[in-house]
C-alpha atoms as a PDB file:
ATOM      1  CA  UNK A   1      65.761 113.652 138.088  1.00  0.00           C
ATOM      2  CA  UNK A   2      64.951 116.109 135.686  1.00  0.00           C
ATOM      3  CA  UNK A   3      66.555 117.034 132.492  1.00  0.00           C
ATOM      4  CA  UNK A   4      68.131 120.135 133.649  1.00  0.00           C
ATOM      5  CA  UNK A   5      69.702 118.369 136.280  1.00  0.00           C
ATOM      6  CA  UNK A   6      71.256 115.904 133.871  1.00  0.00           C
ATOM      7  CA  UNK A   7      72.600 118.091 131.791  1.00  0.00           C
ATOM      8  CA  UNK A   8      74.135 119.947 134.533  1.00  0.00           C
ATOM      9  CA  UNK A   9      75.727 116.995 135.383  1.00  0.00           C
ATOM     10  CA  UNK A  10      76.935 115.951 132.458  1.00  0.00           C
ATOM     11  CA  UNK A  11      78.869 118.983 131.681  1.00  0.00           C
ATOM     12  CA  UNK A  12      80.108 118.673 135.353  1.00  0.00           C
ATOM     13  CA  UNK A  13      81.552 115.354 134.342  1.00  0.00           C
ATOM     14  CA  UNK A  14      82.748 116.644 131.104  1.00  0.00           C
ATOM     15  CA  UNK A  15      84.729 119.052 132.823  1.00  0.00           C
ATOM     16  CA  UNK A  16      86.155 116.847 135.399  1.00  0.00           C
ATOM     17  CA  UNK A  17      90.212 116.468 134.343  1.00  0.00           C
ATOM     18  CA  UNK A  18      91.279 113.542 133.674  1.00  0.00           C
ATOM     19  CA  UNK A  19      94.523 112.113 134.985  1.00  0.00           C
ATOM     20  CA  UNK A  20      96.112 111.084 130.985  1.00  0.00           C
ATOM     21  CA  UNK A  21     100.269 111.317 132.468  1.00  0.00           C
ATOM     22  CA  UNK A  22      99.758 107.095 132.934  1.00  0.00           C
ATOM     23  CA  UNK A  23      99.096 106.845 129.417  1.00  0.00           C
ATOM     24  CA  UNK A  24     102.255 109.660 128.063  1.00  0.00           C
ATOM     25  CA  UNK A  25     104.471 107.899 130.044  1.00  0.00           C
ATOM     26  CA  UNK A  26     103.324 104.644 128.644  1.00  0.00           C
ATOM     27  CA  UNK A  27     104.396 106.353 125.004  1.00  0.00           C
ATOM     28  CA  UNK A  28     107.804 107.083 126.808  1.00  0.00           C
ATOM     29  CA  UNK A  29     109.805 104.130 125.562  1.00  0.00           C
ATOM     30  CA  UNK A  30     108.845 104.224 122.051  1.00  0.00           C
ATOM     31  CA  UNK A  31     109.275 108.129 121.646  1.00  0.00           C
ATOM     32  CA  UNK A  32     113.006 107.539 122.766  1.00  0.00           C
ATOM     33  CA  UNK A  33     113.282 104.772 120.531  1.00  0.00           C
ATOM     34  CA  UNK A  34     112.325 106.854 117.618  1.00  0.00           C
ATOM     35  CA  UNK A  35     114.322 109.609 118.711  1.00  0.00           C
ATOM     36  CA  UNK A  36     117.493 107.343 118.727  1.00  0.00           C
ATOM     37  CA  UNK A  37     116.782 105.171 115.686  1.00  0.00           C
ATOM     38  CA  UNK A  38     115.108 107.164 113.433  1.00  0.00           C
ATOM     39  CA  UNK A  39     115.593 110.948 114.613  1.00  0.00           C
ATOM     40  CA  UNK A  40     119.658 110.905 115.163  1.00  0.00           C
ATOM     41  CA  UNK A  41     120.726 109.410 112.048  1.00  0.00           C
ATOM     42  CA  UNK A  42     119.424 111.753 110.069  1.00  0.00           C
ATOM     43  CA  UNK A  43     121.807 113.946 111.094  1.00  0.00           C
ATOM     44  CA  UNK A  44     124.285 111.955 108.503  1.00  0.00           C
ATOM     45  CA  UNK A  45     122.076 113.629 105.632  1.00  0.00           C
ATOM     46  CA  UNK A  46     125.131 116.323 105.535  1.00  0.00           C
ATOM     47  CA  UNK A  47     127.205 113.597 103.819  1.00  0.00           C
ATOM     48  CA  UNK A  48     125.122 114.607 101.154  1.00  0.00           C
ATOM     49  CA  UNK A  49     126.749 117.979 100.907  1.00  0.00           C
ATOM     50  CA  UNK A  50     130.092 116.621 101.428  1.00  0.00           C
ATOM     51  CA  UNK A  51     133.073 115.164  99.660  1.00  0.00           C
ATOM     52  CA  UNK A  52     133.002 112.355 102.534  1.00  0.00           C
ATOM     53  CA  UNK A  53     136.135 110.373 103.709  1.00  0.00           C
ATOM     54  CA  UNK A  54     135.338 107.822 106.405  1.00  0.00           C
ATOM     55  CA  UNK A  55     138.604 108.697 108.014  1.00  0.00           C
ATOM     56  CA  UNK A  56     137.923 112.479 108.243  1.00  0.00           C
ATOM     57  CA  UNK A  57     134.498 112.238 109.460  1.00  0.00           C
ATOM     58  CA  UNK A  58     131.526 113.988 109.293  1.00  0.00           C
ATOM     59  CA  UNK A  59     133.589 117.381 110.498  1.00  0.00           C
ATOM     60  CA  UNK A  60     136.620 116.911 108.630  1.00  0.00           C
ATOM     61  CA  UNK A  61     135.288 116.209 105.238  1.00  0.00           C
ATOM     62  CA  UNK A  62     135.224 118.925 102.545  1.00  0.00           C
ATOM     63  CA  UNK A  63     131.560 120.800 102.292  1.00  0.00           C
ATOM     64  CA  UNK A  64     130.770 120.574  98.167  1.00  0.00           C
ATOM     65  CA  UNK A  65     126.990 121.618  98.627  1.00  0.00           C
ATOM     66  CA  UNK A  66     125.002 120.030  95.916  1.00  0.00           C
ATOM     67  CA  UNK A  67     127.964 119.248  93.665  1.00  0.00           C
ATOM     68  CA  UNK A  68     126.477 115.006  94.411  1.00  0.00           C
ATOM     69  CA  UNK A  69     123.058 115.689  93.344  1.00  0.00           C
ATOM     70  CA  UNK A  70     124.683 117.274  89.878  1.00  0.00           C
ATOM     71  CA  UNK A  71     127.019 114.443  89.615  1.00  0.00           C
ATOM     72  CA  UNK A  72     123.818 111.722  90.746  1.00  0.00           C
ATOM     73  CA  UNK A  73     121.783 113.458  87.312  1.00  0.00           C
ATOM     74  CA  UNK A  74     124.883 113.401  85.083  1.00  0.00           C
ATOM     75  CA  UNK A  75     124.735 109.741  85.608  1.00  0.00           C
ATOM     76  CA  UNK A  76     123.389 107.511  82.858  1.00  0.00           C
ATOM     77  CA  UNK A  77     122.663 104.993  85.930  1.00  0.00           C
ATOM     78  CA  UNK A  78     120.203 107.414  87.550  1.00  0.00           C
ATOM     79  CA  UNK A  79     117.537 107.579  84.564  1.00  0.00           C
ATOM     80  CA  UNK A  80     117.921 104.083  84.323  1.00  0.00           C
ATOM     81  CA  UNK A  81     116.984 102.807  88.324  1.00  0.00           C
ATOM     82  CA  UNK A  82     114.570 106.009  88.600  1.00  0.00           C
ATOM     83  CA  UNK A  83     112.811 104.316  85.428  1.00  0.00           C
ATOM     84  CA  UNK A  84     113.331 100.592  86.982  1.00  0.00           C
ATOM     85  CA  UNK A  85     111.698 102.078  89.841  1.00  0.00           C
ATOM     86  CA  UNK A  86     108.733 103.295  88.486  1.00  0.00           C
ATOM     87  CA  UNK A  87     108.052 100.521  86.307  1.00  0.00           C
ATOM     88  CA  UNK A  88     108.805  97.742  89.011  1.00  0.00           C
ATOM     89  CA  UNK A  89     106.534  99.896  91.715  1.00  0.00           C
ATOM     90  CA  UNK A  90     103.881 100.706  89.365  1.00  0.00           C
ATOM     91  CA  UNK A  91     103.232  97.499  88.264  1.00  0.00           C
ATOM     92  CA  UNK A  92     102.815  96.015  91.787  1.00  0.00           C
ATOM     93  CA  UNK A  93     100.508  98.670  93.126  1.00  0.00           C
ATOM     94  CA  UNK A  94      98.064  98.577  90.211  1.00  0.00           C
ATOM     95  CA  UNK A  95      97.876  94.440  89.506  1.00  0.00           C
ATOM     96  CA  UNK A  96      98.467  94.111  93.334  1.00  0.00           C
ATOM     97  CA  UNK A  97      94.808  96.562  93.657  1.00  0.00           C
ATOM     98  CA  UNK A  98      92.960  94.385  90.437  1.00  0.00           C
ATOM     99  CA  UNK A  99      94.301  90.904  92.577  1.00  0.00           C
ATOM    100  CA  UNK A 100      92.999  91.909  96.075  1.00  0.00           C
ATOM    101  CA  UNK A 101      89.592  93.864  94.296  1.00  0.00           C
ATOM    102  CA  UNK A 102      88.876  90.256  92.065  1.00  0.00           C
ATOM    103  CA  UNK A 103      90.169  87.787  95.411  1.00  0.00           C
ATOM    104  CA  UNK A 104      87.927  89.943  98.344  1.00  0.00           C
ATOM    105  CA  UNK A 105      84.829  89.810  95.643  1.00  0.00           C
ATOM    106  CA  UNK A 106      84.811  85.918  94.841  1.00  0.00           C
ATOM    107  CA  UNK A 107      85.554  85.082  98.339  1.00  0.00           C
ATOM    108  CA  UNK A 108      82.444  86.878  99.180  1.00  0.00           C
ATOM    109  CA  UNK A 109      80.602  85.097  96.519  1.00  0.00           C
ATOM    110  CA  UNK A 110      81.533  82.076  98.199  1.00  0.00           C
ATOM    111  CA  UNK A 111      78.538  80.876 100.108  1.00  0.00           C
ATOM    112  CA  UNK A 112      80.417  77.772 102.520  1.00  0.00           C
ATOM    113  CA  UNK A 113      82.105  80.118 105.457  1.00  0.00           C
ATOM    114  CA  UNK A 114      84.818  76.998 106.198  1.00  0.00           C
ATOM    115  CA  UNK A 115      85.398  76.922 103.008  1.00  0.00           C
ATOM    116  CA  UNK A 116      85.726  80.656 102.841  1.00  0.00           C
ATOM    117  CA  UNK A 117      88.063  80.648 106.499  1.00  0.00           C
ATOM    118  CA  UNK A 118      89.988  78.268 104.879  1.00  0.00           C
ATOM    119  CA  UNK A 119      90.613  80.349 101.235  1.00  0.00           C
ATOM    120  CA  UNK A 120      91.208  83.444 103.012  1.00  0.00           C
ATOM    121  CA  UNK A 121      93.535  81.750 105.698  1.00  0.00           C
ATOM    122  CA  UNK A 122      95.976  80.658 102.802  1.00  0.00           C
ATOM    123  CA  UNK A 123      95.776  83.640 100.789  1.00  0.00           C
ATOM    124  CA  UNK A 124      96.915  85.672 103.653  1.00  0.00           C
ATOM    125  CA  UNK A 125      99.951  83.050 104.589  1.00  0.00           C
ATOM    126  CA  UNK A 126     102.662  84.418 102.073  1.00  0.00           C
ATOM    127  CA  UNK A 127     102.336  87.595 103.356  1.00  0.00           C
ATOM    128  CA  UNK A 128     104.010  86.810 106.240  1.00  0.00           C
ATOM    129  CA  UNK A 129     106.941  84.963 104.802  1.00  0.00           C
ATOM    130  CA  UNK A 130     110.099  86.670 104.388  1.00  0.00           C
ATOM    131  CA  UNK A 131     111.939  87.355 100.956  1.00  0.00           C
ATOM    132  CA  UNK A 132     115.042  85.411 101.937  1.00  0.00           C
ATOM    133  CA  UNK A 133     112.861  82.530 101.821  1.00  0.00           C
ATOM    134  CA  UNK A 134     111.070  82.868  99.232  1.00  0.00           C
ATOM    135  CA  UNK A 135     114.237  84.048  96.902  1.00  0.00           C
ATOM    136  CA  UNK A 136     115.445  80.699  97.417  1.00  0.00           C
ATOM    137  CA  UNK A 137     112.110  78.612  96.344  1.00  0.00           C
ATOM    138  CA  UNK A 138     111.752  80.642  93.577  1.00  0.00           C
ATOM    139  CA  UNK A 139     114.923  80.104  92.263  1.00  0.00           C
ATOM    140  CA  UNK A 140     114.970  76.890  92.406  1.00  0.00           C
ATOM    141  CA  UNK A 141     111.346  76.856  90.739  1.00  0.00           C
ATOM    142  CA  UNK A 142     112.310  79.028  87.456  1.00  0.00           C
ATOM    143  CA  UNK A 143     116.014  77.706  87.153  1.00  0.00           C
ATOM    144  CA  UNK A 144     116.444  76.363  83.745  1.00  0.00           C
ATOM    145  CA  UNK A 145     116.107  73.190  85.446  1.00  0.00           C
ATOM    146  CA  UNK A 146     113.370  74.253  87.677  1.00  0.00           C
ATOM    147  CA  UNK A 147     109.224  72.926  88.125  1.00  0.00           C
ATOM    148  CA  UNK A 148     108.077  75.830  85.354  1.00  0.00           C
ATOM    149  CA  UNK A 149     110.378  75.167  82.693  1.00  0.00           C
ATOM    150  CA  UNK A 150     109.688  71.070  82.956  1.00  0.00           C
ATOM    151  CA  UNK A 151     106.136  71.704  83.005  1.00  0.00           C
ATOM    152  CA  UNK A 152     106.364  74.169  80.140  1.00  0.00           C
ATOM    153  CA  UNK A 153     108.849  71.860  77.895  1.00  0.00           C
ATOM    154  CA  UNK A 154     106.918  68.915  78.711  1.00  0.00           C
ATOM    155  CA  UNK A 155     103.509  70.877  77.583  1.00  0.00           C
ATOM    156  CA  UNK A 156     105.398  71.847  74.096  1.00  0.00           C
ATOM    157  CA  UNK A 157     104.947  75.360  75.305  1.00  0.00           C
ATOM    158  CA  UNK A 158     108.581  76.100  74.930  1.00  0.00           C
ATOM    159  CA  UNK A 159     111.603  74.070  73.324  1.00  0.00           C
ATOM    160  CA  UNK A 160     114.677  75.472  75.077  1.00  0.00           C
ATOM    161  CA  UNK A 161     114.615  76.502  78.995  1.00  0.00           C
ATOM    162  CA  UNK A 162     114.131  80.201  80.228  1.00  0.00           C
ATOM    163  CA  UNK A 163     116.125  81.641  82.575  1.00  0.00           C
ATOM    164  CA  UNK A 164     113.510  83.261  84.527  1.00  0.00           C
ATOM    165  CA  UNK A 165     116.185  85.204  86.338  1.00  0.00           C
ATOM    166  CA  UNK A 166     118.882  86.049  84.246  1.00  0.00           C
ATOM    167  CA  UNK A 167     117.224  87.821  81.420  1.00  0.00           C
ATOM    168  CA  UNK A 168     116.205  91.280  81.673  1.00  0.00           C
ATOM    169  CA  UNK A 169     113.327  90.445  79.394  1.00  0.00           C
ATOM    170  CA  UNK A 170     111.977  88.139  81.920  1.00  0.00           C
ATOM    171  CA  UNK A 171     112.914  89.748  85.450  1.00  0.00           C
ATOM    172  CA  UNK A 172     110.629  92.427  85.778  1.00  0.00           C
ATOM    173  CA  UNK A 173     107.037  90.108  85.200  1.00  0.00           C
ATOM    174  CA  UNK A 174     108.867  87.960  87.601  1.00  0.00           C
ATOM    175  CA  UNK A 175     109.403  90.349  90.170  1.00  0.00           C
ATOM    176  CA  UNK A 176     105.731  92.031  89.979  1.00  0.00           C
ATOM    177  CA  UNK A 177     104.412  88.682  89.650  1.00  0.00           C
ATOM    178  CA  UNK A 178     105.771  86.888  92.471  1.00  0.00           C
ATOM    179  CA  UNK A 179     105.019  90.101  95.140  1.00  0.00           C
ATOM    180  CA  UNK A 180     101.252  90.124  93.683  1.00  0.00           C
ATOM    181  CA  UNK A 181     101.014  86.520  94.620  1.00  0.00           C
ATOM    182  CA  UNK A 182     102.320  87.379  98.011  1.00  0.00           C
ATOM    183  CA  UNK A 183     100.799  90.275  99.461  1.00  0.00           C
ATOM    184  CA  UNK A 184      97.281  90.018  97.397  1.00  0.00           C
ATOM    185  CA  UNK A 185      95.717  87.904 100.152  1.00  0.00           C
ATOM    186  CA  UNK A 186      97.056  90.048 102.873  1.00  0.00           C
ATOM    187  CA  UNK A 187      95.596  93.460 101.289  1.00  0.00           C
ATOM    188  CA  UNK A 188      92.083  91.720 100.494  1.00  0.00           C
ATOM    189  CA  UNK A 189      91.554  92.246 104.147  1.00  0.00           C
ATOM    190  CA  UNK A 190      90.002  96.133 103.571  1.00  0.00           C
ATOM    191  CA  UNK A 191      88.159  95.164 100.872  1.00  0.00           C
ATOM    192  CA  UNK A 192      86.343  92.138 102.694  1.00  0.00           C
ATOM    193  CA  UNK A 193      85.570  94.551 105.290  1.00  0.00           C
ATOM    194  CA  UNK A 194      84.051  96.659 102.876  1.00  0.00           C
ATOM    195  CA  UNK A 195      81.888  94.079 101.388  1.00  0.00           C
ATOM    196  CA  UNK A 196      80.801  92.741 104.788  1.00  0.00           C
ATOM    197  CA  UNK A 197      79.154  96.535 105.072  1.00  0.00           C
ATOM    198  CA  UNK A 198      77.004  96.728 102.228  1.00  0.00           C
ATOM    199  CA  UNK A 199      73.139  96.216 102.983  1.00  0.00           C
ATOM    200  CA  UNK A 200      71.934  92.636 101.889  1.00  0.00           C
ATOM    201  CA  UNK A 201      68.624  93.608 101.258  1.00  0.00           C
ATOM    202  CA  UNK A 202      70.001  95.389  98.239  1.00  0.00           C
ATOM    203  CA  UNK A 203      70.825  91.915  96.558  1.00  0.00           C
ATOM    204  CA  UNK A 204      67.772  90.652  97.362  1.00  0.00           C
ATOM    205  CA  UNK A 205      65.703  93.356  95.717  1.00  0.00           C
ATOM    206  CA  UNK A 206      68.236  92.849  92.827  1.00  0.00           C
ATOM    207  CA  UNK A 207      67.671  89.268  92.533  1.00  0.00           C
ATOM    208  CA  UNK A 208      63.773  89.622  92.733  1.00  0.00           C
ATOM    209  CA  UNK A 209      64.386  91.948  89.751  1.00  0.00           C
ATOM    210  CA  UNK A 210      65.636  88.763  88.056  1.00  0.00           C
ATOM    211  CA  UNK A 211      69.534  90.591  88.576  1.00  0.00           C
ATOM    212  CA  UNK A 212      72.087  87.806  87.648  1.00  0.00           C
ATOM    213  CA  UNK A 213      74.735  87.515  89.591  1.00  0.00           C
ATOM    214  CA  UNK A 214      77.138  89.631  87.754  1.00  0.00           C
ATOM    215  CA  UNK A 215      74.789  92.068  87.241  1.00  0.00           C
ATOM    216  CA  UNK A 216      74.635  92.126  90.985  1.00  0.00           C
ATOM    217  CA  UNK A 217      78.101  92.731  91.165  1.00  0.00           C
ATOM    218  CA  UNK A 218      78.922  95.448  88.935  1.00  0.00           C
ATOM    219  CA  UNK A 219      75.541  97.224  90.079  1.00  0.00           C
ATOM    220  CA  UNK A 220      76.009  96.584  93.994  1.00  0.00           C
ATOM    221  CA  UNK A 221      79.410  95.296  94.848  1.00  0.00           C
ATOM    222  CA  UNK A 222      81.548  97.035  92.659  1.00  0.00           C
ATOM    223  CA  UNK A 223      79.491 100.659  94.024  1.00  0.00           C
ATOM    224  CA  UNK A 224      79.477  99.643  97.102  1.00  0.00           C
ATOM    225  CA  UNK A 225      83.241  99.693  97.784  1.00  0.00           C
ATOM    226  CA  UNK A 226      84.342 102.348  95.015  1.00  0.00           C
ATOM    227  CA  UNK A 227      85.559 104.948  98.082  1.00  0.00           C
ATOM    228  CA  UNK A 228      87.471 101.850  99.463  1.00  0.00           C
ATOM    229  CA  UNK A 229      89.171 101.761  95.617  1.00  0.00           C
ATOM    230  CA  UNK A 230      89.455 105.160  95.513  1.00  0.00           C
ATOM    231  CA  UNK A 231      91.153 105.026  98.933  1.00  0.00           C
ATOM    232  CA  UNK A 232      93.637 102.845  98.963  1.00  0.00           C
ATOM    233  CA  UNK A 233      94.526 103.341  95.141  1.00  0.00           C
ATOM    234  CA  UNK A 234      94.926 107.246  96.518  1.00  0.00           C
ATOM    235  CA  UNK A 235      96.890 106.064  99.135  1.00  0.00           C
ATOM    236  CA  UNK A 236      99.345 104.248  97.112  1.00  0.00           C
ATOM    237  CA  UNK A 237     100.248 106.686  95.393  1.00  0.00           C
ATOM    238  CA  UNK A 238     102.905 107.375  98.601  1.00  0.00           C
ATOM    239  CA  UNK A 239     104.646 103.873  97.556  1.00  0.00           C
ATOM    240  CA  UNK A 240     105.349 104.827  93.594  1.00  0.00           C
ATOM    241  CA  UNK A 241     109.431 104.918  94.559  1.00  0.00           C
ATOM    242  CA  UNK A 242     109.256 102.185  96.917  1.00  0.00           C
ATOM    243  CA  UNK A 243     109.831  99.251  94.795  1.00  0.00           C
ATOM    244  CA  UNK A 244     110.901  96.509  97.031  1.00  0.00           C
ATOM    245  CA  UNK A 245     114.675  96.716  98.104  1.00  0.00           C
ATOM    246  CA  UNK A 246     114.100  92.746 100.476  1.00  0.00           C
ATOM    247  CA  UNK A 247     112.590  91.228  97.214  1.00  0.00           C
ATOM    248  CA  UNK A 248     114.946  92.184  94.694  1.00  0.00           C
ATOM    249  CA  UNK A 249     118.230  92.428  96.644  1.00  0.00           C
ATOM    250  CA  UNK A 250     117.770  88.344  97.390  1.00  0.00           C
ATOM    251  CA  UNK A 251     116.418  88.092  93.134  1.00  0.00           C
ATOM    252  CA  UNK A 252     118.789  89.550  90.837  1.00  0.00           C
ATOM    253  CA  UNK A 253     122.217  89.499  89.800  1.00  0.00           C
ATOM    254  CA  UNK A 254     124.997  91.609  87.385  1.00  0.00           C
ATOM    255  CA  UNK A 255     123.218  89.663  84.489  1.00  0.00           C
ATOM    256  CA  UNK A 256     120.057  92.112  85.052  1.00  0.00           C
ATOM    257  CA  UNK A 257     121.443  94.914  86.565  1.00  0.00           C
ATOM    258  CA  UNK A 258     119.766  96.500  83.627  1.00  0.00           C
ATOM    259  CA  UNK A 259     116.220  96.083  84.371  1.00  0.00           C
ATOM    260  CA  UNK A 260     116.676  95.412  87.798  1.00  0.00           C
ATOM    261  CA  UNK A 261     118.606  97.949  89.277  1.00  0.00           C
ATOM    262  CA  UNK A 262     116.537 100.209  91.435  1.00  0.00           C
ATOM    263  CA  UNK A 263     116.617 103.172  93.732  1.00  0.00           C
ATOM    264  CA  UNK A 264     117.044 101.451  97.106  1.00  0.00           C
ATOM    265  CA  UNK A 265     119.781  98.753  95.460  1.00  0.00           C
ATOM    266  CA  UNK A 266     121.840 101.029  93.509  1.00  0.00           C
ATOM    267  CA  UNK A 267     122.349 103.333  96.870  1.00  0.00           C
ATOM    268  CA  UNK A 268     123.040  99.857  98.990  1.00  0.00           C
ATOM    269  CA  UNK A 269     125.861  98.689  95.803  1.00  0.00           C
ATOM    270  CA  UNK A 270     127.259 102.676  95.662  1.00  0.00           C
ATOM    271  CA  UNK A 271     127.555 102.871 100.050  1.00  0.00           C
ATOM    272  CA  UNK A 272     128.397  99.544 100.637  1.00  0.00           C
ATOM    273  CA  UNK A 273     130.183  98.073  98.172  1.00  0.00           C
ATOM    274  CA  UNK A 274     131.672 101.167  96.218  1.00  0.00           C
ATOM    275  CA  UNK A 275     132.203 103.107  99.052  1.00  0.00           C
ATOM    276  CA  UNK A 276     130.665 106.177  97.353  1.00  0.00           C
ATOM    277  CA  UNK A 277     129.251 107.267 100.548  1.00  0.00           C
ATOM    278  CA  UNK A 278     128.121 110.718  99.827  1.00  0.00           C
ATOM    279  CA  UNK A 279     126.523 109.811  95.907  1.00  0.00           C
ATOM    280  CA  UNK A 280     124.379 106.966  98.000  1.00  0.00           C
ATOM    281  CA  UNK A 281     123.293 109.606 100.557  1.00  0.00           C
ATOM    282  CA  UNK A 282     122.432 112.222  97.738  1.00  0.00           C
ATOM    283  CA  UNK A 283     120.064 109.165  96.032  1.00  0.00           C
ATOM    284  CA  UNK A 284     118.507 108.085  98.759  1.00  0.00           C
ATOM    285  CA  UNK A 285     117.693 112.100 100.272  1.00  0.00           C
ATOM    286  CA  UNK A 286     116.496 112.939  96.692  1.00  0.00           C
ATOM    287  CA  UNK A 287     114.625 109.729  97.166  1.00  0.00           C
ATOM    288  CA  UNK A 288     113.040 110.558 100.796  1.00  0.00           C
ATOM    289  CA  UNK A 289     112.264 113.945  99.236  1.00  0.00           C
ATOM    290  CA  UNK A 290     110.351 112.734  96.713  1.00  0.00           C
ATOM    291  CA  UNK A 291     108.226 110.174  98.461  1.00  0.00           C
ATOM    292  CA  UNK A 292     107.596 113.105 101.494  1.00  0.00           C
ATOM    293  CA  UNK A 293     106.151 115.252  98.897  1.00  0.00           C
ATOM    294  CA  UNK A 294     104.038 111.615  97.140  1.00  0.00           C
ATOM    295  CA  UNK A 295     103.049 111.187 100.770  1.00  0.00           C
ATOM    296  CA  UNK A 296     101.631 114.747 101.416  1.00  0.00           C
ATOM    297  CA  UNK A 297      99.839 114.422  97.672  1.00  0.00           C
ATOM    298  CA  UNK A 298      98.488 111.224  98.409  1.00  0.00           C
ATOM    299  CA  UNK A 299      96.731 112.027 101.850  1.00  0.00           C
ATOM    300  CA  UNK A 300      95.643 115.363 100.206  1.00  0.00           C
ATOM    301  CA  UNK A 301      93.814 113.519  97.365  1.00  0.00           C
ATOM    302  CA  UNK A 302      91.969 110.855 100.010  1.00  0.00           C
ATOM    303  CA  UNK A 303      90.655 113.915 102.079  1.00  0.00           C
ATOM    304  CA  UNK A 304      89.047 114.937  98.575  1.00  0.00           C
ATOM    305  CA  UNK A 305      88.203 112.499  96.912  1.00  0.00           C
ATOM    306  CA  UNK A 306      87.663 109.639 100.159  1.00  0.00           C
ATOM    307  CA  UNK A 307      86.721 111.774 102.907  1.00  0.00           C
ATOM    308  CA  UNK A 308      89.337 110.230 104.678  1.00  0.00           C
ATOM    309  CA  UNK A 309      91.603 112.203 107.076  1.00  0.00           C
ATOM    310  CA  UNK A 310      94.706 111.576 109.996  1.00  0.00           C
ATOM    311  CA  UNK A 311      95.064 114.529 111.018  1.00  0.00           C
END
C-alpha cells in the first residue's frame, strides 16, 4: 500500500459518520435531574423583587422591584456578613494553597515509597469526613475543659481556659485552620501530579553542580510547578464568597455572630428562622451574581496566565 492509498483510506474513515445517539442517551438522566432540581427552582428568584407572603404565593405577592436590595444595603449587618465572608474565605484559600504546596513538596522529597503512600492516605482522609462529625469532635477538643486547654494549661502557656468557639477573637482563626487541616491533603493531589512531571535529570544535574536540597527545591521544583500554582490560585478566585456554610453552621453560635456570620448563614437565618423570604432571596441572588462574575473572571485569568481553557 502506497502513501496515497493510505491517506485516501484515512480520510474515508474520518468522514464515516459515527453514531453518537447512545452517548447522548446516557446524558439524558443527568440532564433531566439538572433541569428539575437546578433550573426549575431558579424561577424562585422572582421573590427577591416581591414582598413575598407565603399564603399569597408568588403570583399574589406585591411587586416591589429593587426595594429589597436597597433595604439589604441599608442594614448594618450587610457589611458585617460580607466582611466575615471575605476574611474567612480568603484565609482558607491562601493558607490551604500554601499548606498543599508545602505538603506536596515534602512528600516528594520522601524517598520511602510505602511511607509516602501511608502519609498521603492519612492526609487525604479528613476531606471525606462530614462537618457534622468533625464539629462534634472540635467542640469537645476546644471546650474550656477540652484536651487543647488541658495541654495549654499543663505547659503553663495559659492560666485561664480559652473558649475557642465562644469568643469573637478566636472563632475565625479556628474556622480557617480547621478547614486547612481538613482539605490540604486532598488539594495537594494536583501539585503531587505536577511534581511527577518534572524531569529527574534536572535534579541529577543540579546535584552534580553541588546544589543542596533547598536550592533544588527553589530553582527546580517550584519553577516546575509554577504554572500549576498560578492555575489553582486563579481558579480559587471564584470561591472568594464561599466561606463554607456547613462548617460554620455546625460550629458557630449567637455569641460569635459578629465574626462568624457569613452570607450563607445569614440567608438561612433570615429565610428559615425569621421568615424574611424576600430579603434572604435578595442577599442570595446578590451573592450568586457576584460569584458568577468572579467565576468568569477567574477562567479568563486562567486562560491568560496559565493557558487553561475549558471551552
